[in-house]
Amino acid sequence: MKKFTLRFLRENKGVTAIEYGLIAGLIVVIIAASVTNIGTGLRTVFTNVVTAITPAAPAA
């Protein structure tokens, strides 16, 4: 049992996998926040363009 415990404490592959998982999760959160922010900005731009174009259309 002592041999198993010492080997378990020396083994660090699991720790590295957890670190990579945390980094990947953080990257996903950053990308999601960026895409949401860009989408909101684009919606504002296109709304402003439509608002500016609509009065310029000739009345039927």
Foldseek 3Di string as FASTA:
>chain_A
DVVVVVVVVPDCPVVVVVVVVVVVVVVVVVVVVVVVVVVVVVVVVVVVVCVVVVVVDDDD
